[in-house]
């Protein structure tokens, strides 16, 4: 049996902030109806602590998450690839939907600033989830 859920990959540089928040928000907003992954073109050592704090405010547990490297397999498996400031690091394949979300980097920022970034990602994620779930009906 194959998994018919749409699959989204979020890619940023360190996979410690933006892409992790986006992946967590897709899981929350789609209630598991979208398969989601995140990766970094140059993964960091740990998730940004401010990211963990602001995601916890929405009930998204990031305690088991960690930065993961971008792989060719992850891109190939995805229907939608969303980059967030990682330039040309992501391979391009025909038949995939690509978007580049210009977002401020939460690295080195306090909780209040990261909360604003989270909220902007959440707005974009909710539109994406609505699009993908209405297309798969």
N, C-alpha and C. Protein backbone atom coordinates (compact mmCIF):
# COMPACT_ATOMS: atom_id res chain seq x y z
N UNK A 1 0.84 -1.18 0.00
CA UNK A 1 0.00 0.00 0.00
C UNK A 1 0.89 1.24 0.00
N UNK A 2 0.59 2.18 -0.88
CA UNK A 2 1.39 3.40 -0.95
C UNK A 2 0.72 4.52 -0.17
N UNK A 3 1.54 5.43 0.28
CA UNK A 3 1.08 6.59 1.03
C UNK A 3 0.66 7.65 0.01
N UNK A 4 -0.60 7.98 -0.03
CA UNK A 4 -1.12 8.94 -1.01
C UNK A 4 -1.09 10.38 -0.51
N UNK A 5 -0.59 10.60 0.70
CA UNK A 5 -0.54 11.95 1.22
C UNK A 5 0.45 12.79 0.42
N UNK A 6 0.11 14.07 0.18
CA UNK A 6 1.10 14.96 -0.45
C UNK A 6 2.32 15.05 0.46
N UNK A 7 3.49 15.24 -0.14
CA UNK A 7 4.72 15.33 0.64
C UNK A 7 5.42 16.66 0.38
N UNK A 8 5.78 17.32 1.49
CA UNK A 8 6.43 18.63 1.43
C UNK A 8 7.79 18.54 2.11
N UNK A 9 8.77 19.20 1.50
CA UNK A 9 10.11 19.31 2.07
C UNK A 9 10.43 20.78 2.26
N UNK A 10 10.80 21.16 3.48
CA UNK A 10 11.25 22.52 3.78
C UNK A 10 12.76 22.49 3.95
N UNK A 11 13.44 23.43 3.27
CA UNK A 11 14.90 23.48 3.31
C UNK A 11 15.35 24.88 3.68
N UNK A 12 16.21 24.97 4.71
CA UNK A 12 16.90 26.23 5.01
C UNK A 12 18.38 25.88 5.19
N UNK A 13 19.17 26.81 5.63
CA UNK A 13 20.60 26.56 5.72
C UNK A 13 20.93 25.58 6.86
N UNK A 14 20.56 25.92 8.08
CA UNK A 14 20.97 25.12 9.24
C UNK A 14 19.95 24.10 9.71
N UNK A 15 18.72 24.15 9.20
CA UNK A 15 17.64 23.26 9.63
C UNK A 15 17.50 23.31 11.15
N UNK A 16 17.60 24.53 11.67
CA UNK A 16 17.53 24.72 13.12
C UNK A 16 16.48 25.76 13.49
N UNK A 17 15.80 26.34 12.48
CA UNK A 17 14.84 27.39 12.75
C UNK A 17 13.65 27.37 11.81
N UNK A 18 13.77 28.08 10.69
CA UNK A 18 12.64 28.27 9.77
C UNK A 18 12.06 26.97 9.26
N UNK A 19 12.90 26.10 8.72
CA UNK A 19 12.38 24.86 8.14
C UNK A 19 11.79 23.95 9.21
N UNK A 20 12.37 23.95 10.38
CA UNK A 20 11.83 23.14 11.48
C UNK A 20 10.47 23.67 11.92
N UNK A 21 10.34 25.01 12.02
CA UNK A 21 9.05 25.57 12.39
C UNK A 21 8.00 25.24 11.34
N UNK A 22 8.36 25.39 10.07
CA UNK A 22 7.41 25.11 8.99
C UNK A 22 6.95 23.65 9.01
N UNK A 23 7.89 22.74 9.21
CA UNK A 23 7.52 21.32 9.25
C UNK A 23 6.59 21.03 10.43
N UNK A 24 6.91 21.58 11.59
CA UNK A 24 6.06 21.38 12.76
C UNK A 24 4.67 21.96 12.56
N UNK A 25 4.59 23.11 11.89
CA UNK A 25 3.31 23.74 11.65
C UNK A 25 2.48 22.97 10.62
N UNK A 26 3.13 22.39 9.61
CA UNK A 26 2.38 21.56 8.65
C UNK A 26 1.80 20.33 9.37
N UNK A 27 2.58 19.71 10.22
CA UNK A 27 2.07 18.56 10.99
C UNK A 27 0.85 18.98 11.80
N UNK A 28 0.94 20.13 12.47
CA UNK A 28 -0.15 20.62 13.30
C UNK A 28 -1.37 20.97 12.45
N UNK A 29 -1.19 21.78 11.44
CA UNK A 29 -2.31 22.30 10.64
C UNK A 29 -2.95 21.25 9.74
N UNK A 30 -2.18 20.25 9.29
CA UNK A 30 -2.76 19.23 8.41
C UNK A 30 -3.26 18.02 9.19
N UNK A 31 -3.02 18.00 10.48
CA UNK A 31 -3.40 16.87 11.33
C UNK A 31 -2.91 15.54 10.75
N UNK A 32 -1.68 15.56 10.25
CA UNK A 32 -1.07 14.35 9.72
C UNK A 32 -1.48 13.97 8.31
N UNK A 33 -2.27 14.80 7.65
CA UNK A 33 -2.73 14.47 6.29
C UNK A 33 -1.73 14.84 5.21
N UNK A 34 -0.63 15.49 5.62
CA UNK A 34 0.46 15.82 4.70
C UNK A 34 1.74 15.27 5.30
N UNK A 35 2.50 14.55 4.50
CA UNK A 35 3.81 14.05 4.91
C UNK A 35 4.79 15.20 4.79
N UNK A 36 5.56 15.46 5.82
CA UNK A 36 6.47 16.61 5.80
C UNK A 36 7.85 16.24 6.32
N UNK A 37 8.85 16.86 5.71
CA UNK A 37 10.25 16.70 6.12
C UNK A 37 10.90 18.07 6.12
N UNK A 38 12.01 18.16 6.81
CA UNK A 38 12.82 19.37 6.75
C UNK A 38 14.28 18.97 6.68
N UNK A 39 15.08 19.88 6.13
CA UNK A 39 16.51 19.59 5.97
C UNK A 39 17.27 20.90 5.85
N UNK A 40 18.59 20.80 5.99
CA UNK A 40 19.44 21.97 5.86
C UNK A 40 20.57 21.74 4.89
N UNK A 41 20.93 22.79 4.16
CA UNK A 41 22.05 22.68 3.23
C UNK A 41 23.38 22.61 3.98
N UNK A 42 23.43 23.15 5.20
CA UNK A 42 24.60 23.07 6.09
C UNK A 42 24.05 22.94 7.51
N UNK A 43 23.56 21.75 7.89
CA UNK A 43 22.84 21.58 9.17
C UNK A 43 23.65 22.03 10.38
N UNK A 44 22.93 22.66 11.30
CA UNK A 44 23.54 23.11 12.55
C UNK A 44 23.66 21.96 13.53
N UNK A 45 24.01 22.30 14.77
CA UNK A 45 24.20 21.29 15.81
C UNK A 45 22.92 20.99 16.58
N UNK A 46 22.03 21.99 16.70
CA UNK A 46 20.81 21.80 17.49
C UNK A 46 19.75 22.79 17.03
N UNK A 47 18.50 22.51 17.41
CA UNK A 47 17.41 23.43 17.12
C UNK A 47 17.58 24.68 17.98
N UNK A 48 17.32 25.83 17.39
CA UNK A 48 17.38 27.10 18.09
C UNK A 48 16.45 27.04 19.29
N UNK A 49 16.95 27.31 20.51
CA UNK A 49 16.10 27.25 21.71
C UNK A 49 14.88 28.17 21.65
N UNK A 50 15.00 29.34 21.02
CA UNK A 50 13.85 30.24 20.89
C UNK A 50 12.78 29.61 20.00
N UNK A 51 13.19 28.85 19.00
CA UNK A 51 12.24 28.14 18.14
C UNK A 51 11.47 27.10 18.96
N UNK A 52 12.17 26.37 19.78
CA UNK A 52 11.51 25.37 20.63
C UNK A 52 10.48 26.04 21.53
N UNK A 53 10.85 27.19 22.10
CA UNK A 53 9.94 27.92 22.99
C UNK A 53 8.68 28.38 22.27
N UNK A 54 8.83 29.03 21.11
CA UNK A 54 7.65 29.59 20.43
C UNK A 54 6.78 28.50 19.82
N UNK A 55 7.36 27.38 19.45
CA UNK A 55 6.55 26.28 18.92
C UNK A 55 5.79 25.59 20.05
N UNK A 56 6.40 25.52 21.22
CA UNK A 56 5.73 24.95 22.38
C UNK A 56 4.49 25.77 22.75
N UNK A 57 4.53 27.07 22.50
CA UNK A 57 3.38 27.93 22.76
C UNK A 57 2.16 27.50 21.96
N UNK A 58 2.38 26.88 20.80
CA UNK A 58 1.27 26.40 19.96
C UNK A 58 0.99 24.91 20.18
N UNK A 59 1.69 24.31 21.12
CA UNK A 59 1.49 22.89 21.39
C UNK A 59 2.26 21.97 20.47
N UNK A 60 3.29 22.49 19.80
CA UNK A 60 4.12 21.68 18.91
C UNK A 60 5.40 21.32 19.65
N UNK A 61 5.56 20.04 19.96
CA UNK A 61 6.72 19.55 20.70
C UNK A 61 7.89 19.34 19.74
N UNK A 62 8.93 20.11 19.92
CA UNK A 62 10.12 20.01 19.06
C UNK A 62 11.27 19.29 19.77
N UNK A 63 11.01 18.72 20.94
CA UNK A 63 12.09 18.16 21.75
C UNK A 63 12.81 16.98 21.09
N UNK A 64 12.16 16.28 20.20
CA UNK A 64 12.78 15.14 19.53
C UNK A 64 13.38 15.51 18.17
N UNK A 65 13.22 16.75 17.76
CA UNK A 65 13.72 17.18 16.45
C UNK A 65 15.21 17.52 16.51
N UNK A 66 15.86 17.41 15.37
CA UNK A 66 17.28 17.75 15.26
C UNK A 66 17.57 18.15 13.82
N UNK A 67 18.62 18.95 13.58
CA UNK A 67 18.97 19.35 12.22
C UNK A 67 19.39 18.13 11.38
N UNK A 68 18.86 18.09 10.16
CA UNK A 68 19.14 16.98 9.24
C UNK A 68 19.71 17.53 7.93
N UNK A 69 20.60 16.78 7.30
CA UNK A 69 21.18 17.24 6.04
C UNK A 69 20.21 17.06 4.86
N UNK A 70 20.32 17.95 3.92
CA UNK A 70 19.56 17.86 2.68
C UNK A 70 20.09 16.68 1.87
N UNK A 71 19.18 15.80 1.45
CA UNK A 71 19.58 14.67 0.61
C UNK A 71 18.82 14.70 -0.71
N UNK A 72 19.43 14.13 -1.70
CA UNK A 72 18.80 14.00 -3.01
C UNK A 72 17.51 13.19 -2.89
N UNK A 73 17.53 12.16 -2.06
CA UNK A 73 16.36 11.29 -1.88
C UNK A 73 15.17 12.06 -1.32
N UNK A 74 15.42 12.96 -0.37
CA UNK A 74 14.34 13.75 0.22
C UNK A 74 13.69 14.65 -0.82
N UNK A 75 14.50 15.23 -1.69
CA UNK A 75 13.95 16.08 -2.75
C UNK A 75 13.15 15.24 -3.73
N UNK A 76 13.69 14.12 -4.14
CA UNK A 76 13.00 13.25 -5.09
C UNK A 76 11.65 12.75 -4.56
N UNK A 77 11.57 12.51 -3.26
CA UNK A 77 10.35 11.97 -2.66
C UNK A 77 9.26 13.02 -2.47
N UNK A 78 9.61 14.28 -2.61
CA UNK A 78 8.68 15.37 -2.30
C UNK A 78 7.88 15.83 -3.51
N UNK A 79 6.64 16.23 -3.23
CA UNK A 79 5.81 16.85 -4.26
C UNK A 79 6.07 18.35 -4.32
N UNK A 80 6.30 18.93 -3.14
CA UNK A 80 6.54 20.37 -3.01
C UNK A 80 7.84 20.57 -2.23
N UNK A 81 8.72 21.42 -2.75
CA UNK A 81 9.97 21.75 -2.08
C UNK A 81 9.96 23.26 -1.83
N UNK A 82 10.07 23.63 -0.56
CA UNK A 82 10.05 25.05 -0.20
C UNK A 82 11.39 25.40 0.43
N UNK A 83 12.09 26.32 -0.22
CA UNK A 83 13.39 26.76 0.28
C UNK A 83 13.22 28.06 1.05
N UNK A 84 14.12 28.26 2.00
CA UNK A 84 14.07 29.43 2.87
C UNK A 84 15.48 29.96 3.07
N UNK A 85 16.01 30.60 2.07
CA UNK A 85 17.32 31.23 2.22
C UNK A 85 18.51 30.32 2.03
N UNK A 86 18.34 29.22 1.31
CA UNK A 86 19.49 28.32 1.12
C UNK A 86 20.05 28.40 -0.29
N UNK A 87 19.65 29.41 -1.04
CA UNK A 87 20.23 29.63 -2.35
C UNK A 87 20.00 28.49 -3.31
N UNK A 88 21.04 28.12 -4.03
CA UNK A 88 20.94 27.09 -5.07
C UNK A 88 21.33 25.71 -4.57
N UNK A 89 21.32 25.49 -3.25
CA UNK A 89 21.77 24.21 -2.70
C UNK A 89 20.81 23.07 -3.01
N UNK A 90 19.57 23.38 -3.33
CA UNK A 90 18.57 22.35 -3.52
C UNK A 90 18.53 21.90 -4.98
N UNK A 91 18.65 20.59 -5.23
CA UNK A 91 18.58 20.12 -6.61
C UNK A 91 17.17 20.32 -7.18
N UNK A 92 17.11 20.57 -8.48
CA UNK A 92 15.85 20.82 -9.17
C UNK A 92 15.52 19.61 -10.04
N UNK A 93 14.30 19.09 -9.88
CA UNK A 93 13.83 17.97 -10.68
C UNK A 93 12.52 18.33 -11.36
N UNK A 94 12.33 17.89 -12.59
CA UNK A 94 11.07 18.15 -13.28
C UNK A 94 9.90 17.52 -12.53
N UNK A 95 8.76 18.18 -12.59
CA UNK A 95 7.55 17.64 -11.99
C UNK A 95 7.36 17.99 -10.53
N UNK A 96 8.31 18.67 -9.94
CA UNK A 96 8.21 19.09 -8.54
C UNK A 96 7.75 20.55 -8.51
N UNK A 97 7.02 20.89 -7.48
CA UNK A 97 6.64 22.28 -7.26
C UNK A 97 7.67 22.89 -6.32
N UNK A 98 8.26 24.01 -6.75
CA UNK A 98 9.27 24.71 -5.94
C UNK A 98 8.77 26.10 -5.58
N UNK A 99 9.02 26.48 -4.34
CA UNK A 99 8.74 27.84 -3.88
C UNK A 99 9.92 28.29 -3.03
N UNK A 100 10.19 29.58 -3.06
CA UNK A 100 11.21 30.14 -2.18
C UNK A 100 10.52 31.16 -1.28
N UNK A 101 10.50 30.89 0.01
CA UNK A 101 9.88 31.78 0.98
C UNK A 101 10.97 32.67 1.57
N UNK A 102 10.88 33.96 1.31
CA UNK A 102 11.82 34.93 1.87
C UNK A 102 11.38 35.24 3.29
N UNK A 103 12.14 34.76 4.25
CA UNK A 103 11.81 34.94 5.67
C UNK A 103 13.07 35.32 6.44
N UNK A 104 12.88 36.12 7.46
CA UNK A 104 14.01 36.48 8.32
C UNK A 104 14.54 35.24 9.03
N UNK A 105 15.84 35.19 9.22
CA UNK A 105 16.48 34.07 9.92
C UNK A 105 16.35 34.27 11.42
N UNK A 106 15.82 33.28 12.15
CA UNK A 106 15.69 33.43 13.60
C UNK A 106 17.00 33.27 14.38
N UNK A 107 18.07 32.88 13.72
CA UNK A 107 19.34 32.66 14.42
C UNK A 107 19.77 33.92 15.16
N UNK A 108 20.08 33.76 16.44
CA UNK A 108 20.57 34.85 17.25
C UNK A 108 19.52 35.85 17.70
N UNK A 109 18.26 35.57 17.42
CA UNK A 109 17.18 36.48 17.79
C UNK A 109 16.45 35.99 19.03
N UNK A 110 15.84 36.93 19.73
CA UNK A 110 15.09 36.61 20.93
C UNK A 110 13.72 36.02 20.61
N UNK A 111 13.05 35.58 21.66
CA UNK A 111 11.75 34.91 21.52
C UNK A 111 10.72 35.80 20.83
N UNK A 112 10.68 37.09 21.15
CA UNK A 112 9.69 37.97 20.53
C UNK A 112 9.87 38.05 19.02
N UNK A 113 11.08 38.18 18.55
CA UNK A 113 11.36 38.23 17.11
C UNK A 113 11.06 36.89 16.46
N UNK A 114 11.43 35.80 17.11
CA UNK A 114 11.19 34.46 16.55
C UNK A 114 9.69 34.18 16.49
N UNK A 115 8.95 34.68 17.45
CA UNK A 115 7.49 34.51 17.44
C UNK A 115 6.88 35.15 16.18
N UNK A 116 7.38 36.34 15.81
CA UNK A 116 6.88 37.01 14.60
C UNK A 116 7.21 36.20 13.35
N UNK A 117 8.40 35.63 13.30
CA UNK A 117 8.79 34.78 12.16
C UNK A 117 7.89 33.55 12.12
N UNK A 118 7.66 32.94 13.28
CA UNK A 118 6.77 31.77 13.37
C UNK A 118 5.38 32.11 12.84
N UNK A 119 4.87 33.26 13.22
CA UNK A 119 3.52 33.64 12.80
C UNK A 119 3.44 33.84 11.29
N UNK A 120 4.49 34.40 10.70
CA UNK A 120 4.51 34.56 9.23
C UNK A 120 4.59 33.19 8.56
N UNK A 121 5.41 32.31 9.07
CA UNK A 121 5.49 30.95 8.52
C UNK A 121 4.14 30.27 8.66
N UNK A 122 3.48 30.45 9.80
CA UNK A 122 2.18 29.82 10.03
C UNK A 122 1.15 30.29 9.00
N UNK A 123 1.13 31.58 8.69
CA UNK A 123 0.20 32.08 7.67
C UNK A 123 0.44 31.40 6.33
N UNK A 124 1.71 31.28 5.94
CA UNK A 124 2.04 30.64 4.67
C UNK A 124 1.72 29.15 4.70
N UNK A 125 2.02 28.51 5.82
CA UNK A 125 1.73 27.07 5.96
C UNK A 125 0.23 26.81 5.85
N UNK A 126 -0.58 27.63 6.49
CA UNK A 126 -2.02 27.40 6.43
C UNK A 126 -2.54 27.51 4.99
N UNK A 127 -2.02 28.46 4.20
CA UNK A 127 -2.41 28.55 2.78
C UNK A 127 -1.96 27.30 2.03
N UNK A 128 -0.72 26.87 2.28
CA UNK A 128 -0.19 25.69 1.60
C UNK A 128 -1.01 24.45 1.94
N UNK A 129 -1.30 24.25 3.22
CA UNK A 129 -2.08 23.09 3.66
C UNK A 129 -3.45 23.10 2.98
N UNK A 130 -4.11 24.26 2.97
CA UNK A 130 -5.41 24.36 2.32
C UNK A 130 -5.32 23.98 0.84
N UNK A 131 -4.31 24.49 0.15
CA UNK A 131 -4.11 24.17 -1.28
C UNK A 131 -3.90 22.69 -1.50
N UNK A 132 -2.98 22.11 -0.74
CA UNK A 132 -2.64 20.70 -0.94
C UNK A 132 -3.78 19.77 -0.59
N UNK A 133 -4.50 20.06 0.47
CA UNK A 133 -5.59 19.17 0.87
C UNK A 133 -6.80 19.32 -0.04
N UNK A 134 -7.04 20.51 -0.58
CA UNK A 134 -8.17 20.66 -1.50
C UNK A 134 -7.83 20.03 -2.85
N UNK A 135 -6.55 20.01 -3.23
CA UNK A 135 -6.14 19.40 -4.49
C UNK A 135 -6.15 17.88 -4.43
N UNK A 136 -6.03 17.32 -3.23
CA UNK A 136 -5.95 15.86 -3.10
C UNK A 136 -7.30 15.21 -2.84
N UNK A 137 -8.38 16.01 -2.83
CA UNK A 137 -9.72 15.47 -2.57
C UNK A 137 -10.26 14.82 -3.82
